[in-house]
Amino acid sequence: MDARRAVGAARRTADHVAETIAHEAVHQAKVALGERGPVWWDDGTPDLNRHLARTGPYAQWYASLPEGID
């Protein structure tokens, strides 16, 4: 969260260099947490993290949800 706060602070002061550094820190934190980078599981299931529910393999299920649920 420190890195995300740093992004916001850099944007508020229009410090583009600091913003770039903060974005890299956010990226590194996400990689360390397993949210980005190569998949860490090997059970043969596809990586669907980059697919929207409404357009990917879950489109039919998503379409069945009541309005306003996102």
C-alpha atoms as a PDB file:
ATOM      1  CA  MET A   1       0.000   0.000   0.000  1.00  0.00           C
ATOM      2  CA  ASP A   2       2.942   2.333   0.547  1.00  0.00           C
ATOM      3  CA  ALA A   3       3.769   2.088  -3.149  1.00  0.00           C
ATOM      4  CA  ARG A   4       0.158   2.794  -4.147  1.00  0.00           C
ATOM      5  CA  ARG A   5       0.086   5.829  -1.864  1.00  0.00           C
ATOM      6  CA  ALA A   6       3.337   6.973  -3.454  1.00  0.00           C
ATOM      7  CA  VAL A   7       1.687   6.804  -6.895  1.00  0.00           C
ATOM      8  CA  GLY A   8      -1.115   9.049  -5.673  1.00  0.00           C
ATOM      9  CA  ALA A   9       1.251  11.505  -4.033  1.00  0.00           C
ATOM     10  CA  ALA A  10       3.368  11.712  -7.179  1.00  0.00           C
ATOM     11  CA  ARG A  11       0.290  12.329  -9.319  1.00  0.00           C
ATOM     12  CA  ARG A  12      -0.936  15.090  -7.014  1.00  0.00           C
ATOM     13  CA  THR A  13       2.394  16.874  -7.329  1.00  0.00           C
ATOM     14  CA  ALA A  14       2.792  16.040 -11.042  1.00  0.00           C
ATOM     15  CA  ASP A  15       6.184  14.430 -10.318  1.00  0.00           C
ATOM     16  CA  HIS A  16       6.457  12.102 -13.291  1.00  0.00           C
ATOM     17  CA  VAL A  17       9.775  10.590 -12.234  1.00  0.00           C
ATOM     18  CA  ALA A  18       8.455   9.735  -8.764  1.00  0.00           C
ATOM     19  CA  GLU A  19       5.277   8.334 -10.326  1.00  0.00           C
ATOM     20  CA  THR A  20       7.274   6.026 -12.587  1.00  0.00           C
ATOM     21  CA  ILE A  21       9.336   4.810  -9.632  1.00  0.00           C
ATOM     22  CA  ALA A  22       6.175   4.264  -7.565  1.00  0.00           C
ATOM     23  CA  HIS A  23       4.480   2.317 -10.378  1.00  0.00           C
ATOM     24  CA  GLU A  24       7.525   0.049 -10.563  1.00  0.00           C
ATOM     25  CA  ALA A  25       7.334  -0.496  -6.796  1.00  0.00           C
ATOM     26  CA  VAL A  26       3.639  -1.437  -7.142  1.00  0.00           C
ATOM     27  CA  HIS A  27       4.531  -3.854  -9.928  1.00  0.00           C
ATOM     28  CA  GLN A  28       7.294  -5.479  -7.888  1.00  0.00           C
ATOM     29  CA  ALA A  29       4.950  -5.891  -4.911  1.00  0.00           C
ATOM     30  CA  LYS A  30       2.304  -7.534  -7.105  1.00  0.00           C
ATOM     31  CA  VAL A  31       4.882  -9.911  -8.592  1.00  0.00           C
ATOM     32  CA  ALA A  32       6.088 -10.815  -5.086  1.00  0.00           C
ATOM     33  CA  LEU A  33       2.487 -11.533  -4.047  1.00  0.00           C
ATOM     34  CA  GLY A  34       1.909 -13.739  -7.096  1.00  0.00           C
ATOM     35  CA  GLU A  35      -0.630 -11.354  -8.646  1.00  0.00           C
ATOM     36  CA  ARG A  36       1.562 -10.734 -11.699  1.00  0.00           C
ATOM     37  CA  GLY A  37       4.199 -12.704 -13.486  1.00  0.00           C
ATOM     38  CA  PRO A  38       4.223 -16.322 -14.483  1.00  0.00           C
ATOM     39  CA  VAL A  39       1.506 -18.521 -13.094  1.00  0.00           C
ATOM     40  CA  TRP A  40       2.543 -20.280  -9.911  1.00  0.00           C
ATOM     41  CA  TRP A  41       0.206 -23.233 -10.155  1.00  0.00           C
ATOM     42  CA  ASP A  42       0.687 -26.264 -12.322  1.00  0.00           C
ATOM     43  CA  ASP A  43      -2.629 -28.074 -12.238  1.00  0.00           C
ATOM     44  CA  GLY A  44      -3.197 -27.626 -15.970  1.00  0.00           C
ATOM     45  CA  THR A  45      -6.000 -25.074 -15.645  1.00  0.00           C
ATOM     46  CA  PRO A  46      -5.796 -22.009 -17.886  1.00  0.00           C
ATOM     47  CA  ASP A  47      -4.875 -18.581 -16.514  1.00  0.00           C
ATOM     48  CA  LEU A  48      -8.106 -16.574 -16.798  1.00  0.00           C
ATOM     49  CA  ASN A  49      -6.987 -13.542 -14.786  1.00  0.00           C
ATOM     50  CA  ARG A  50      -6.827 -11.327 -17.856  1.00  0.00           C
ATOM     51  CA  HIS A  51     -10.346 -12.193 -19.073  1.00  0.00           C
ATOM     52  CA  LEU A  52     -13.515 -10.307 -18.255  1.00  0.00           C
ATOM     53  CA  ALA A  53     -16.269 -12.473 -16.800  1.00  0.00           C
ATOM     54  CA  ARG A  54     -18.753 -11.057 -19.303  1.00  0.00           C
ATOM     55  CA  THR A  55     -16.638 -11.954 -22.351  1.00  0.00           C
ATOM     56  CA  GLY A  56     -14.669 -15.025 -21.276  1.00  0.00           C
ATOM     57  CA  PRO A  57     -15.585 -18.595 -20.445  1.00  0.00           C
ATOM     58  CA  TYR A  58     -17.967 -17.382 -17.718  1.00  0.00           C
ATOM     59  CA  ALA A  59     -20.020 -15.163 -20.050  1.00  0.00           C
ATOM     60  CA  GLN A  60     -23.192 -17.259 -19.769  1.00  0.00           C
ATOM     61  CA  TRP A  61     -22.997 -17.295 -15.960  1.00  0.00           C
ATOM     62  CA  TYR A  62     -22.295 -13.553 -15.871  1.00  0.00           C
ATOM     63  CA  ALA A  63     -25.266 -12.826 -18.143  1.00  0.00           C
ATOM     64  CA  SER A  64     -27.529 -14.700 -15.718  1.00  0.00           C
ATOM     65  CA  LEU A  65     -26.695 -12.378 -12.797  1.00  0.00           C
ATOM     66  CA  PRO A  66     -29.241  -9.751 -11.731  1.00  0.00           C
ATOM     67  CA  GLU A  67     -28.649  -6.208 -12.988  1.00  0.00           C
ATOM     68  CA  GLY A  68     -26.262  -4.105 -10.964  1.00  0.00           C
ATOM     69  CA  ILE A  69     -24.044  -6.913  -9.714  1.00  0.00           C
ATOM     70  CA  ASP A  70     -20.489  -6.328 -10.904  1.00  0.00           C
END
